[in-house]
Amino acid sequence: MAQADNTGAGGIEEVYLAKDDGSGKAGEQVTEFRTTDVPIYCVVLLESDAKVVVKMNFVAVNVSGVKPETKVVTASYTTKDGQNRVNFTGRPDDKWTPGKYRVDLFLDGKKVKYIEFEIKNSTLNNTAASKYFKPPASPKSKPVPKSRKIGTSK
């Protein structure tokens, strides 16, 4: 579940994480991710539309095979006057590794907010699921009757 630290969020009106909406843009706010949710978006809404440097560190907090506090993705963007929204994306080479992560946000070099969240496995336990779900029969394949002979013309 995504959790935001609301203390010391000076300069940030709102920040949330989102999955792709299917068209390559950030969708609605979500609190749960799977290993196949690529990319993950971090949407930052600023309190002001003044020029500011917004930096995001995507950090592995407790992820198998990754040293704790490793920065997985780092991105920085300088807004233009009149701009108060920044969209960052984080993406692995293939799939995410399940575990606990954090997004740290900085404004002009000062850490002002963070969000903790977890990425969970996207696969079901097939053995357990097979008790309750049977794969649908393919309507295209029909068994050939054994007594059927292929004739030859004479």
N, C-alpha and C. Protein backbone atom coordinates (compact mmCIF):
# COMPACT_ATOMS: atom_id res chain seq x y z
N MET A 1 0.84 -1.17 0.00
CA MET A 1 0.00 0.00 0.00
C MET A 1 0.89 1.24 0.00
N ALA A 2 0.57 2.17 -0.86
CA ALA A 2 1.36 3.40 -0.93
C ALA A 2 1.02 4.28 0.25
N GLN A 3 2.04 4.86 0.82
CA GLN A 3 1.86 5.72 1.99
C GLN A 3 2.71 6.95 1.81
N ALA A 4 2.12 8.10 2.00
CA ALA A 4 2.87 9.34 1.84
C ALA A 4 3.16 9.95 3.20
N ASP A 5 4.34 10.53 3.32
CA ASP A 5 4.69 11.28 4.53
C ASP A 5 4.24 12.71 4.30
N ASN A 6 3.31 13.19 5.10
CA ASN A 6 2.76 14.53 4.91
C ASN A 6 3.50 15.61 5.68
N THR A 7 4.54 15.25 6.42
CA THR A 7 5.27 16.26 7.16
C THR A 7 6.28 16.93 6.26
N GLY A 8 6.39 18.20 6.36
CA GLY A 8 7.40 18.94 5.60
C GLY A 8 7.22 18.87 4.10
N ALA A 9 5.97 18.87 3.61
CA ALA A 9 5.73 18.76 2.18
C ALA A 9 5.67 20.13 1.52
N GLY A 10 6.35 21.11 2.08
CA GLY A 10 6.34 22.47 1.55
C GLY A 10 6.65 22.51 0.07
N GLY A 11 5.77 23.12 -0.70
CA GLY A 11 5.97 23.25 -2.13
C GLY A 11 5.25 22.21 -2.94
N ILE A 12 4.87 21.10 -2.33
CA ILE A 12 4.13 20.05 -3.05
C ILE A 12 2.70 20.02 -2.53
N GLU A 13 1.77 20.24 -3.43
CA GLU A 13 0.34 20.18 -3.08
C GLU A 13 -0.13 18.74 -2.95
N GLU A 14 0.28 17.92 -3.93
CA GLU A 14 -0.13 16.52 -3.93
C GLU A 14 0.89 15.71 -4.70
N VAL A 15 1.07 14.47 -4.28
CA VAL A 15 1.92 13.54 -5.01
C VAL A 15 1.27 12.17 -4.93
N TYR A 16 1.29 11.45 -6.05
CA TYR A 16 0.71 10.11 -6.04
C TYR A 16 1.39 9.24 -7.08
N LEU A 17 1.21 7.93 -6.91
CA LEU A 17 1.74 6.95 -7.84
C LEU A 17 0.60 6.41 -8.68
N ALA A 18 0.91 6.05 -9.92
CA ALA A 18 -0.11 5.58 -10.84
C ALA A 18 0.46 4.53 -11.79
N LYS A 19 -0.44 3.72 -12.33
CA LYS A 19 -0.08 2.77 -13.39
C LYS A 19 -0.33 3.44 -14.73
N ASP A 20 0.16 2.83 -15.79
CA ASP A 20 -0.06 3.34 -17.13
C ASP A 20 -1.54 3.23 -17.48
N ASP A 21 -2.08 4.25 -18.14
CA ASP A 21 -3.50 4.25 -18.49
C ASP A 21 -3.79 3.50 -19.78
N GLY A 22 -2.77 2.89 -20.38
CA GLY A 22 -2.94 2.14 -21.62
C GLY A 22 -2.55 2.94 -22.85
N SER A 23 -2.35 4.25 -22.67
CA SER A 23 -1.96 5.09 -23.81
C SER A 23 -0.60 5.75 -23.57
N GLY A 24 0.16 5.22 -22.60
CA GLY A 24 1.48 5.78 -22.33
C GLY A 24 1.48 6.97 -21.41
N LYS A 25 0.38 7.17 -20.69
CA LYS A 25 0.28 8.29 -19.75
C LYS A 25 -0.11 7.76 -18.37
N ALA A 26 0.11 8.60 -17.36
CA ALA A 26 -0.26 8.23 -15.99
C ALA A 26 -1.76 8.11 -15.88
N GLY A 27 -2.22 7.01 -15.29
CA GLY A 27 -3.64 6.81 -15.06
C GLY A 27 -4.05 7.35 -13.70
N GLU A 28 -5.09 6.76 -13.16
CA GLU A 28 -5.60 7.16 -11.85
C GLU A 28 -4.63 6.71 -10.75
N GLN A 29 -4.73 7.37 -9.61
CA GLN A 29 -3.92 7.04 -8.44
C GLN A 29 -4.20 5.61 -7.99
N VAL A 30 -3.16 4.85 -7.70
CA VAL A 30 -3.29 3.50 -7.18
C VAL A 30 -2.38 3.33 -5.97
N THR A 31 -2.69 2.33 -5.17
CA THR A 31 -1.90 2.09 -3.96
C THR A 31 -1.21 0.73 -3.99
N GLU A 32 -1.44 -0.05 -5.06
CA GLU A 32 -0.85 -1.38 -5.12
C GLU A 32 -0.28 -1.63 -6.51
N PHE A 33 0.89 -2.24 -6.54
CA PHE A 33 1.55 -2.53 -7.81
C PHE A 33 1.93 -4.00 -7.87
N ARG A 34 2.04 -4.50 -9.11
CA ARG A 34 2.50 -5.86 -9.40
C ARG A 34 3.81 -5.76 -10.18
N THR A 35 4.54 -6.85 -10.25
CA THR A 35 5.84 -6.85 -10.92
C THR A 35 5.72 -6.50 -12.41
N THR A 36 4.54 -6.69 -12.99
CA THR A 36 4.33 -6.42 -14.41
C THR A 36 3.82 -5.00 -14.68
N ASP A 37 3.64 -4.19 -13.65
CA ASP A 37 3.19 -2.80 -13.82
C ASP A 37 4.38 -1.93 -14.24
N VAL A 38 4.61 -1.86 -15.53
CA VAL A 38 5.74 -1.11 -16.08
C VAL A 38 5.20 -0.12 -17.10
N PRO A 39 5.49 1.14 -16.98
CA PRO A 39 6.23 1.79 -15.90
C PRO A 39 5.31 2.15 -14.74
N ILE A 40 5.92 2.61 -13.67
CA ILE A 40 5.19 3.21 -12.55
C ILE A 40 5.39 4.71 -12.66
N TYR A 41 4.30 5.45 -12.57
CA TYR A 41 4.35 6.91 -12.67
C TYR A 41 4.32 7.54 -11.29
N CYS A 42 5.05 8.63 -11.14
CA CYS A 42 5.00 9.46 -9.94
C CYS A 42 4.56 10.84 -10.41
N VAL A 43 3.35 11.24 -9.99
CA VAL A 43 2.78 12.51 -10.41
C VAL A 43 2.92 13.51 -9.27
N VAL A 44 3.54 14.65 -9.56
CA VAL A 44 3.81 15.68 -8.55
C VAL A 44 3.05 16.94 -8.95
N LEU A 45 2.14 17.39 -8.06
CA LEU A 45 1.42 18.64 -8.26
C LEU A 45 2.00 19.66 -7.29
N LEU A 46 2.55 20.72 -7.82
CA LEU A 46 3.23 21.74 -7.01
C LEU A 46 2.25 22.81 -6.53
N GLU A 47 2.58 23.41 -5.39
CA GLU A 47 1.75 24.47 -4.83
C GLU A 47 1.84 25.75 -5.64
N SER A 48 2.93 25.91 -6.37
CA SER A 48 3.19 27.15 -7.10
C SER A 48 3.54 26.81 -8.54
N ASP A 49 3.37 27.77 -9.43
CA ASP A 49 3.78 27.55 -10.81
C ASP A 49 5.08 28.29 -11.13
N ALA A 50 5.84 28.62 -10.07
CA ALA A 50 7.15 29.26 -10.24
C ALA A 50 8.18 28.20 -10.64
N LYS A 51 9.24 28.63 -11.28
CA LYS A 51 10.31 27.73 -11.72
C LYS A 51 10.97 27.06 -10.53
N VAL A 52 11.12 25.72 -10.58
CA VAL A 52 11.73 24.95 -9.50
C VAL A 52 12.33 23.67 -10.07
N VAL A 53 13.37 23.15 -9.42
CA VAL A 53 13.96 21.87 -9.81
C VAL A 53 13.30 20.78 -8.95
N VAL A 54 12.65 19.84 -9.62
CA VAL A 54 11.99 18.72 -8.94
C VAL A 54 12.82 17.47 -9.23
N LYS A 55 13.21 16.76 -8.18
CA LYS A 55 14.01 15.54 -8.33
C LYS A 55 13.29 14.38 -7.67
N MET A 56 13.35 13.22 -8.32
CA MET A 56 12.75 12.01 -7.78
C MET A 56 13.82 10.93 -7.70
N ASN A 57 13.91 10.28 -6.53
CA ASN A 57 14.74 9.08 -6.36
C ASN A 57 13.80 7.92 -6.08
N PHE A 58 13.87 6.88 -6.90
CA PHE A 58 13.10 5.66 -6.72
C PHE A 58 14.04 4.70 -6.01
N VAL A 59 13.75 4.36 -4.76
CA VAL A 59 14.70 3.65 -3.89
C VAL A 59 14.19 2.26 -3.52
N ALA A 60 15.07 1.26 -3.64
CA ALA A 60 14.77 -0.10 -3.17
C ALA A 60 15.03 -0.13 -1.66
N VAL A 61 13.99 -0.35 -0.88
CA VAL A 61 14.11 -0.35 0.58
C VAL A 61 14.40 -1.75 1.11
N ASN A 62 13.57 -2.72 0.70
CA ASN A 62 13.75 -4.11 1.13
C ASN A 62 13.36 -5.00 -0.05
N VAL A 63 14.35 -5.22 -0.94
CA VAL A 63 14.12 -5.96 -2.17
C VAL A 63 15.17 -7.05 -2.26
N SER A 64 14.74 -8.28 -2.49
CA SER A 64 15.65 -9.42 -2.56
C SER A 64 16.71 -9.20 -3.64
N GLY A 65 17.97 -9.38 -3.26
CA GLY A 65 19.08 -9.25 -4.19
C GLY A 65 19.55 -7.83 -4.44
N VAL A 66 18.94 -6.85 -3.76
CA VAL A 66 19.32 -5.45 -3.94
C VAL A 66 19.71 -4.87 -2.59
N LYS A 67 20.86 -4.21 -2.55
CA LYS A 67 21.32 -3.60 -1.31
C LYS A 67 20.30 -2.54 -0.85
N PRO A 68 19.88 -2.58 0.43
CA PRO A 68 18.92 -1.58 0.94
C PRO A 68 19.38 -0.15 0.66
N GLU A 69 18.43 0.69 0.34
CA GLU A 69 18.62 2.12 0.05
C GLU A 69 19.32 2.37 -1.29
N THR A 70 19.27 1.38 -2.20
CA THR A 70 19.82 1.56 -3.53
C THR A 70 18.86 2.39 -4.37
N LYS A 71 19.38 3.42 -5.03
CA LYS A 71 18.57 4.23 -5.94
C LYS A 71 18.41 3.46 -7.24
N VAL A 72 17.18 3.07 -7.54
CA VAL A 72 16.88 2.30 -8.74
C VAL A 72 16.71 3.22 -9.95
N VAL A 73 16.03 4.34 -9.74
CA VAL A 73 15.81 5.33 -10.79
C VAL A 73 15.98 6.71 -10.16
N THR A 74 16.68 7.58 -10.85
CA THR A 74 16.80 8.98 -10.42
C THR A 74 16.49 9.86 -11.62
N ALA A 75 15.64 10.85 -11.40
CA ALA A 75 15.28 11.78 -12.48
C ALA A 75 15.12 13.17 -11.89
N SER A 76 15.43 14.16 -12.71
CA SER A 76 15.31 15.55 -12.28
C SER A 76 14.70 16.35 -13.42
N TYR A 77 13.87 17.34 -13.05
CA TYR A 77 13.23 18.17 -14.06
C TYR A 77 13.10 19.59 -13.52
N THR A 78 13.44 20.56 -14.35
CA THR A 78 13.28 21.97 -14.00
C THR A 78 12.01 22.47 -14.67
N THR A 79 11.05 22.90 -13.87
CA THR A 79 9.79 23.39 -14.43
C THR A 79 10.00 24.75 -15.10
N LYS A 80 9.08 25.08 -15.95
CA LYS A 80 9.07 26.39 -16.59
C LYS A 80 8.05 27.25 -15.83
N ASP A 81 8.17 28.57 -15.93
CA ASP A 81 7.17 29.43 -15.30
C ASP A 81 5.79 29.05 -15.82
N GLY A 82 4.83 28.95 -14.89
CA GLY A 82 3.47 28.59 -15.25
C GLY A 82 3.20 27.09 -15.22
N GLN A 83 4.21 26.29 -14.94
CA GLN A 83 4.05 24.84 -14.91
C GLN A 83 4.03 24.37 -13.46
N ASN A 84 2.99 23.60 -13.08
CA ASN A 84 2.91 23.13 -11.69
C ASN A 84 2.68 21.62 -11.58
N ARG A 85 2.93 20.89 -12.65
CA ARG A 85 2.77 19.44 -12.62
C ARG A 85 3.98 18.79 -13.29
N VAL A 86 4.51 17.75 -12.63
CA VAL A 86 5.62 16.99 -13.18
C VAL A 86 5.26 15.52 -13.11
N ASN A 87 5.48 14.79 -14.20
CA ASN A 87 5.26 13.34 -14.25
C ASN A 87 6.61 12.65 -14.42
N PHE A 88 6.96 11.81 -13.46
CA PHE A 88 8.17 11.00 -13.56
C PHE A 88 7.73 9.56 -13.82
N THR A 89 8.61 8.79 -14.47
CA THR A 89 8.34 7.37 -14.64
C THR A 89 9.54 6.57 -14.17
N GLY A 90 9.25 5.37 -13.67
CA GLY A 90 10.29 4.43 -13.29
C GLY A 90 10.02 3.13 -14.00
N ARG A 91 11.07 2.56 -14.60
CA ARG A 91 10.88 1.30 -15.31
C ARG A 91 12.15 0.45 -15.22
N PRO A 92 11.96 -0.85 -14.97
CA PRO A 92 13.11 -1.77 -14.96
C PRO A 92 13.40 -2.24 -16.39
N ASP A 93 14.44 -3.03 -16.56
CA ASP A 93 14.76 -3.59 -17.88
C ASP A 93 13.67 -4.57 -18.33
N ASP A 94 13.12 -5.33 -17.39
CA ASP A 94 12.10 -6.32 -17.73
C ASP A 94 10.89 -6.12 -16.82
N LYS A 95 10.87 -6.83 -15.68
CA LYS A 95 9.81 -6.69 -14.68
C LYS A 95 10.42 -6.16 -13.40
N TRP A 96 9.57 -5.64 -12.53
CA TRP A 96 10.02 -5.20 -11.21
C TRP A 96 10.34 -6.43 -10.37
N THR A 97 11.27 -6.28 -9.45
CA THR A 97 11.52 -7.31 -8.45
C THR A 97 10.60 -7.00 -7.28
N PRO A 98 9.86 -8.01 -6.79
CA PRO A 98 8.95 -7.74 -5.68
C PRO A 98 9.70 -7.25 -4.45
N GLY A 99 9.05 -6.40 -3.68
CA GLY A 99 9.67 -5.89 -2.46
C GLY A 99 9.11 -4.54 -2.08
N LYS A 100 9.77 -3.93 -1.09
CA LYS A 100 9.35 -2.61 -0.60
C LYS A 100 10.22 -1.53 -1.21
N TYR A 101 9.57 -0.47 -1.67
CA TYR A 101 10.24 0.64 -2.34
C TYR A 101 9.80 1.96 -1.71
N ARG A 102 10.50 3.01 -2.11
CA ARG A 102 10.17 4.36 -1.65
C ARG A 102 10.51 5.35 -2.76
N VAL A 103 9.71 6.37 -2.90
CA VAL A 103 10.02 7.48 -3.80
C VAL A 103 10.32 8.69 -2.93
N ASP A 104 11.52 9.25 -3.07
CA ASP A 104 11.90 10.48 -2.37
C ASP A 104 11.78 11.63 -3.34
N LEU A 105 11.18 12.74 -2.88
CA LEU A 105 11.01 13.92 -3.73
C LEU A 105 11.75 15.11 -3.15
N PHE A 106 12.43 15.83 -4.02
CA PHE A 106 13.22 16.99 -3.63
C PHE A 106 12.79 18.20 -4.45
N LEU A 107 12.75 19.36 -3.81
CA LEU A 107 12.52 20.62 -4.50
C LEU A 107 13.74 21.50 -4.27
N ASP A 108 14.37 21.91 -5.35
CA ASP A 108 15.59 22.71 -5.30
C ASP A 108 16.61 22.12 -4.32
N GLY A 109 16.77 20.77 -4.36
CA GLY A 109 17.78 20.09 -3.55
C GLY A 109 17.37 19.72 -2.14
N LYS A 110 16.17 20.13 -1.71
CA LYS A 110 15.72 19.84 -0.35
C LYS A 110 14.65 18.75 -0.37
N LYS A 111 14.89 17.67 0.41
CA LYS A 111 13.92 16.58 0.48
C LYS A 111 12.66 17.09 1.18
N VAL A 112 11.52 16.97 0.48
CA VAL A 112 10.28 17.50 1.04
C VAL A 112 9.18 16.46 1.22
N LYS A 113 9.32 15.30 0.60
CA LYS A 113 8.25 14.31 0.70
C LYS A 113 8.76 12.94 0.27
N TYR A 114 8.10 11.90 0.78
CA TYR A 114 8.38 10.56 0.29
C TYR A 114 7.11 9.72 0.33
N ILE A 115 7.10 8.68 -0.51
CA ILE A 115 5.99 7.73 -0.56
C ILE A 115 6.59 6.34 -0.47
N GLU A 116 6.08 5.53 0.46
CA GLU A 116 6.50 4.14 0.56
C GLU A 116 5.42 3.26 -0.06
N PHE A 117 5.86 2.20 -0.76
CA PHE A 117 4.90 1.30 -1.38
C PHE A 117 5.54 -0.06 -1.61
N GLU A 118 4.72 -1.02 -1.99
CA GLU A 118 5.20 -2.38 -2.19
C GLU A 118 4.82 -2.85 -3.59
N ILE A 119 5.73 -3.59 -4.20
CA ILE A 119 5.45 -4.24 -5.48
C ILE A 119 5.35 -5.73 -5.18
N LYS A 120 4.21 -6.32 -5.55
CA LYS A 120 3.95 -7.73 -5.25
C LYS A 120 4.07 -8.58 -6.50
N ASN A 121 4.30 -9.89 -6.30
CA ASN A 121 4.36 -10.83 -7.41
C ASN A 121 3.07 -10.77 -8.19
N SER A 122 3.16 -10.94 -9.51
CA SER A 122 1.96 -10.89 -10.34
C SER A 122 1.47 -12.27 -10.71
N THR A 123 2.18 -13.32 -10.31
CA THR A 123 1.76 -14.68 -10.67
C THR A 123 1.00 -15.32 -9.53
N LEU A 124 0.00 -16.11 -9.91
CA LEU A 124 -0.75 -16.87 -8.92
C LEU A 124 -0.05 -18.20 -8.68
N ASN A 125 -0.33 -18.81 -7.57
CA ASN A 125 0.15 -20.15 -7.31
C ASN A 125 -0.71 -21.08 -8.15
N ASN A 126 -0.16 -21.60 -9.27
CA ASN A 126 -0.94 -22.39 -10.21
C ASN A 126 -1.49 -23.66 -9.60
N THR A 127 -0.77 -24.26 -8.66
CA THR A 127 -1.26 -25.48 -8.03
C THR A 127 -2.52 -25.20 -7.23
N ALA A 128 -2.50 -24.15 -6.44
CA ALA A 128 -3.68 -23.80 -5.65
C ALA A 128 -4.82 -23.34 -6.55
N ALA A 129 -4.52 -22.59 -7.58
CA ALA A 129 -5.56 -22.07 -8.46
C ALA A 129 -6.20 -23.18 -9.27
N SER A 130 -5.46 -24.24 -9.59
CA SER A 130 -6.01 -25.30 -10.42
C SER A 130 -7.15 -26.04 -9.74
N LYS A 131 -7.23 -25.98 -8.41
CA LYS A 131 -8.34 -26.60 -7.69
C LYS A 131 -9.65 -25.90 -8.01
N TYR A 132 -9.58 -24.61 -8.29
CA TYR A 132 -10.79 -23.82 -8.45
C TYR A 132 -11.06 -23.41 -9.88
N PHE A 133 -10.05 -23.38 -10.71
CA PHE A 133 -10.22 -22.91 -12.09
C PHE A 133 -9.74 -23.98 -13.05
N LYS A 134 -10.58 -24.30 -14.02
CA LYS A 134 -10.17 -25.22 -15.06
C LYS A 134 -10.02 -24.42 -16.33
N PRO A 135 -8.99 -24.70 -17.11
CA PRO A 135 -8.83 -23.94 -18.34
C PRO A 135 -10.00 -24.21 -19.28
N PRO A 136 -10.45 -23.21 -20.02
CA PRO A 136 -11.57 -23.42 -20.92
C PRO A 136 -11.17 -24.35 -22.06
N ALA A 137 -12.12 -25.16 -22.51
CA ALA A 137 -11.86 -26.04 -23.63
C ALA A 137 -11.81 -25.19 -24.89
N SER A 138 -10.91 -25.54 -25.76
CA SER A 138 -10.78 -24.79 -27.00
C SER A 138 -11.90 -25.19 -27.94
N PRO A 139 -12.74 -24.25 -28.37
CA PRO A 139 -13.85 -24.59 -29.25
C PRO A 139 -13.38 -24.95 -30.65
N LYS A 140 -12.17 -24.63 -31.03
CA LYS A 140 -11.67 -24.88 -32.38
C LYS A 140 -11.21 -26.31 -32.58
N SER A 141 -10.75 -26.97 -31.54
CA SER A 141 -10.21 -28.31 -31.71
C SER A 141 -11.25 -29.35 -31.32
N LYS A 142 -11.58 -30.21 -32.27
CA LYS A 142 -12.52 -31.30 -32.01
C LYS A 142 -11.77 -32.60 -32.26
N PRO A 143 -12.03 -33.61 -31.42
CA PRO A 143 -11.35 -34.89 -31.65
C PRO A 143 -11.83 -35.53 -32.95
N VAL A 144 -10.93 -36.16 -33.66
CA VAL A 144 -11.27 -36.87 -34.88
C VAL A 144 -11.74 -38.26 -34.49
N PRO A 145 -12.92 -38.70 -34.97
CA PRO A 145 -13.40 -40.04 -34.62
C PRO A 145 -12.41 -41.10 -35.09
N LYS A 146 -12.22 -42.13 -34.28
CA LYS A 146 -11.24 -43.17 -34.59
C LYS A 146 -11.66 -44.01 -35.79
N SER A 147 -12.94 -44.15 -36.01
CA SER A 147 -13.40 -45.00 -37.09
C SER A 147 -13.36 -44.32 -38.46
N ARG A 148 -13.05 -43.08 -38.49
CA ARG A 148 -13.03 -42.32 -39.74
C ARG A 148 -11.80 -42.73 -40.57
N LYS A 149 -12.02 -43.01 -41.83
CA LYS A 149 -10.94 -43.41 -42.72
C LYS A 149 -10.80 -42.34 -43.78
N ILE A 150 -9.60 -42.15 -44.18
CA ILE A 150 -9.35 -41.23 -45.27
C ILE A 150 -9.35 -42.07 -46.55
N GLY A 151 -10.26 -41.76 -47.43
CA GLY A 151 -10.42 -42.58 -48.63
C GLY A 151 -9.53 -42.11 -49.77
N THR A 152 -9.33 -42.99 -50.69
CA THR A 152 -8.59 -42.64 -51.90
C THR A 152 -9.54 -42.82 -53.06
N SER A 153 -9.42 -42.03 -54.05
CA SER A 153 -10.32 -42.14 -55.19
C SER A 153 -9.77 -43.18 -56.16
N LYS A 154 -10.68 -43.98 -56.75
CA LYS A 154 -10.27 -45.01 -57.72
C LYS A 154 -10.88 -44.72 -59.04
